[in-house]
Protein backbone atom coordinates (compact mmCIF):
# COMPACT_ATOMS: atom_id res chain seq x y z
CA MET A 1 0.00 0.00 0.00
CA ALA A 2 1.22 3.49 -0.87
CA THR A 3 2.15 5.90 1.88
CA GLU A 4 0.38 9.24 2.24
CA VAL A 5 3.50 11.03 0.98
CA GLU A 6 3.51 8.83 -2.13
CA ARG A 7 -0.18 9.59 -2.70
CA LEU A 8 0.42 13.33 -2.32
CA LYS A 9 3.31 13.24 -4.79
CA LYS A 10 1.09 11.39 -7.27
CA LEU A 11 -1.65 14.00 -6.86
CA LEU A 12 0.87 16.79 -7.42
CA LYS A 13 2.06 15.07 -10.58
CA ASN A 14 -1.37 14.13 -11.92
CA ASN A 15 -2.76 17.57 -11.23
CA TRP A 16 -0.19 18.85 -13.72
CA ASP A 17 -0.14 16.21 -16.44
CA GLY A 18 -1.81 13.00 -15.33
CA PRO A 19 -5.30 11.58 -15.20
CA MET A 20 -7.71 13.48 -12.99
CA TRP A 21 -11.14 12.21 -12.01
CA HIS A 22 -12.80 15.58 -12.64
CA GLY A 23 -11.57 16.12 -16.18
CA ASN A 24 -8.56 17.88 -17.66
CA ASN A 25 -5.34 18.39 -15.76
CA LEU A 26 -3.75 21.83 -15.61
CA LYS A 27 -1.47 21.25 -18.60
CA GLU A 28 -4.43 20.15 -20.76
CA VAL A 29 -6.48 23.18 -19.68
CA LEU A 30 -3.65 25.50 -20.73
CA ASN A 31 -3.06 23.73 -24.04
CA ASP A 32 -3.73 25.83 -27.15
CA ILE A 33 -4.41 29.12 -25.38
CA SER A 34 -3.21 31.91 -27.62
CA TRP A 35 -1.45 34.89 -26.13
CA GLU A 36 -4.37 37.07 -27.21
CA LYS A 37 -6.82 34.88 -25.31
CA ALA A 38 -4.49 34.73 -22.29
CA PHE A 39 -4.74 38.51 -21.89
CA TYR A 40 -8.40 38.92 -22.78
CA GLN A 41 -10.22 40.57 -19.88
CA PRO A 42 -13.91 39.62 -19.83
CA GLY A 43 -16.21 41.95 -17.94
CA ASN A 44 -17.58 39.29 -15.59
CA PHE A 45 -14.17 38.05 -14.40
CA SER A 46 -11.77 40.08 -12.32
CA HIS A 47 -8.68 38.32 -13.73
CA ASN A 48 -7.53 37.09 -17.12
CA ILE A 49 -5.88 33.73 -17.84
CA TYR A 50 -2.38 35.20 -17.62
CA GLU A 51 -3.08 36.61 -14.15
CA TYR A 52 -4.39 33.24 -12.98
CA VAL A 53 -1.25 31.52 -14.26
CA MET A 54 0.99 34.01 -12.46
CA HIS A 55 -1.08 33.53 -9.29
CA LEU A 56 -0.58 29.75 -9.52
CA ILE A 57 3.18 30.25 -9.95
CA CYS A 58 3.29 32.48 -6.88
CA TRP A 59 1.76 29.91 -4.53
CA ARG A 60 3.50 26.90 -6.06
CA LYS A 61 6.81 28.69 -5.50
CA PHE A 62 5.78 29.50 -1.92
CA VAL A 63 5.14 25.80 -1.18
CA ALA A 64 8.33 24.62 -2.94
CA GLU A 65 10.47 27.16 -1.10
CA HIS A 66 9.04 26.10 2.25
CA LEU A 67 9.53 22.41 1.43
CA ASN A 68 13.15 23.28 0.68
CA GLY A 69 13.47 24.82 4.14
CA ASN A 70 13.38 28.45 3.04
CA THR A 71 10.97 29.69 5.70
CA ASP A 72 12.09 33.27 5.03
CA TYR A 73 10.37 33.14 1.62
CA LYS A 74 7.22 35.23 1.87
CA THR A 75 4.40 36.41 -0.27
CA GLU A 76 1.48 38.53 0.78
CA ILE A 77 -2.11 37.84 -0.20
CA ASN A 78 -3.29 40.41 -2.76
CA SER A 79 0.24 41.72 -3.29
CA GLU A 80 1.72 42.36 -6.73
CA LEU A 81 3.45 38.98 -6.49
CA ASP A 82 0.14 37.25 -5.68
CA TRP A 83 -1.94 39.05 -8.32
CA VAL A 84 0.16 40.80 -10.94
CA THR A 85 -1.21 44.01 -12.42
CA GLN A 86 1.75 45.43 -14.35
CA TYR A 87 2.87 43.42 -17.37
CA GLU A 88 3.26 43.50 -21.13
CA LYS A 89 0.41 41.90 -23.06
CA ASP A 90 2.34 40.06 -25.74
CA GLU A 91 3.32 36.59 -26.87
CA VAL A 92 6.74 36.69 -25.20
CA THR A 93 5.19 37.45 -21.80
CA TRP A 94 2.64 34.64 -22.21
CA LEU A 95 5.23 32.07 -23.27
CA LYS A 96 7.48 33.09 -20.38
CA ALA A 97 4.58 32.57 -17.94
CA LEU A 98 3.91 29.09 -19.32
CA ALA A 99 7.60 28.21 -18.99
CA GLU A 100 7.64 29.54 -15.40
CA LEU A 101 4.58 27.46 -14.55
CA GLU A 102 6.22 24.33 -15.94
CA ALA A 103 9.41 25.14 -14.01
CA SER A 104 7.29 25.52 -10.87
CA GLN A 105 6.02 21.98 -11.40
CA THR A 106 9.56 20.63 -11.61
CA ALA A 107 10.59 22.63 -8.54
CA LEU A 108 7.54 21.44 -6.63
CA LEU A 109 8.12 17.76 -7.39
CA THR A 110 11.82 18.09 -6.57
CA ALA A 111 11.02 19.82 -3.28
CA ALA A 112 8.43 17.14 -2.47
CA GLU A 113 11.30 14.67 -2.25
CA ASN A 114 12.03 16.31 1.12
CA LEU A 115 8.68 15.10 2.47
CA ASN A 116 8.33 12.25 4.91
CA GLU A 117 5.33 10.79 6.71
CA GLU A 118 6.13 12.44 10.05
CA MET A 119 6.27 15.90 8.45
CA LEU A 120 2.66 15.72 7.30
CA ASP A 121 1.40 16.18 10.87
CA GLU A 122 3.94 18.88 11.75
CA LEU A 123 3.23 22.59 11.53
CA VAL A 124 4.83 24.38 8.61
CA PRO A 125 7.54 26.50 10.30
CA GLY A 126 6.13 29.91 11.13
CA LYS A 127 2.58 28.94 10.11
CA LYS A 128 -0.55 27.82 11.92
CA PHE A 129 -1.24 24.89 9.60
CA ARG A 130 0.33 21.52 8.93
CA TRP A 131 2.22 20.32 5.87
CA TYR A 132 -0.65 17.97 5.01
CA VAL A 133 -3.05 20.92 4.84
CA MET A 134 -0.64 23.06 2.82
CA LEU A 135 -0.04 20.38 0.21
CA HIS A 136 -3.69 19.48 -0.21
CA GLY A 137 -4.49 23.19 -0.23
CA LEU A 138 -2.09 23.74 -3.11
CA ILE A 139 -3.69 20.92 -5.11
CA HIS A 140 -7.18 22.29 -4.45
CA HIS A 141 -5.98 25.80 -5.30
CA ASP A 142 -4.59 24.61 -8.65
CA ILE A 143 -7.83 22.78 -9.50
CA TYR A 144 -10.00 25.76 -8.51
CA HIS A 145 -8.10 28.20 -10.71
CA SER A 146 -7.73 25.62 -13.47
CA ALA A 147 -11.53 25.53 -13.67
CA GLN A 148 -11.65 29.32 -13.89
CA ILE A 149 -9.08 29.21 -16.69
CA ALA A 150 -11.14 26.54 -18.50
CA VAL A 151 -14.23 28.78 -18.37
CA LEU A 152 -12.27 31.76 -19.69
CA LYS A 153 -10.76 29.57 -22.42
CA LYS A 154 -14.24 28.87 -23.78
């Protein structure tokens, strides 16, 4: 039987490019989005696809840094790092964001190698929640925003 750490690593991987019970994984959702569509700002959404991607990168990096022991790494909710507002709306910017998101996946899976079963019940240093909650939270966060991206893609 797989350990909880092994199951979490599999969820982190599948969320990016594996089978998901709910439908498309994040990589499939992002497939074939043009740079024009990535920056399109519909009136009924407060963010465009690009902003959602940058938001995902922000929190994936936060989790990876903490898994790597960098408890000094910080981001603030609703900061410019969390929700970017200043950027060029062009193909280069979009392609760079997609490459950063893919790099965040590699960094996240590499950092997850530092996990062990005992850690899951320990508090994340400097936080009021446990590693188990943070990792599941990241997966849920990715899925939530992936769904928003899928709606905007249509």
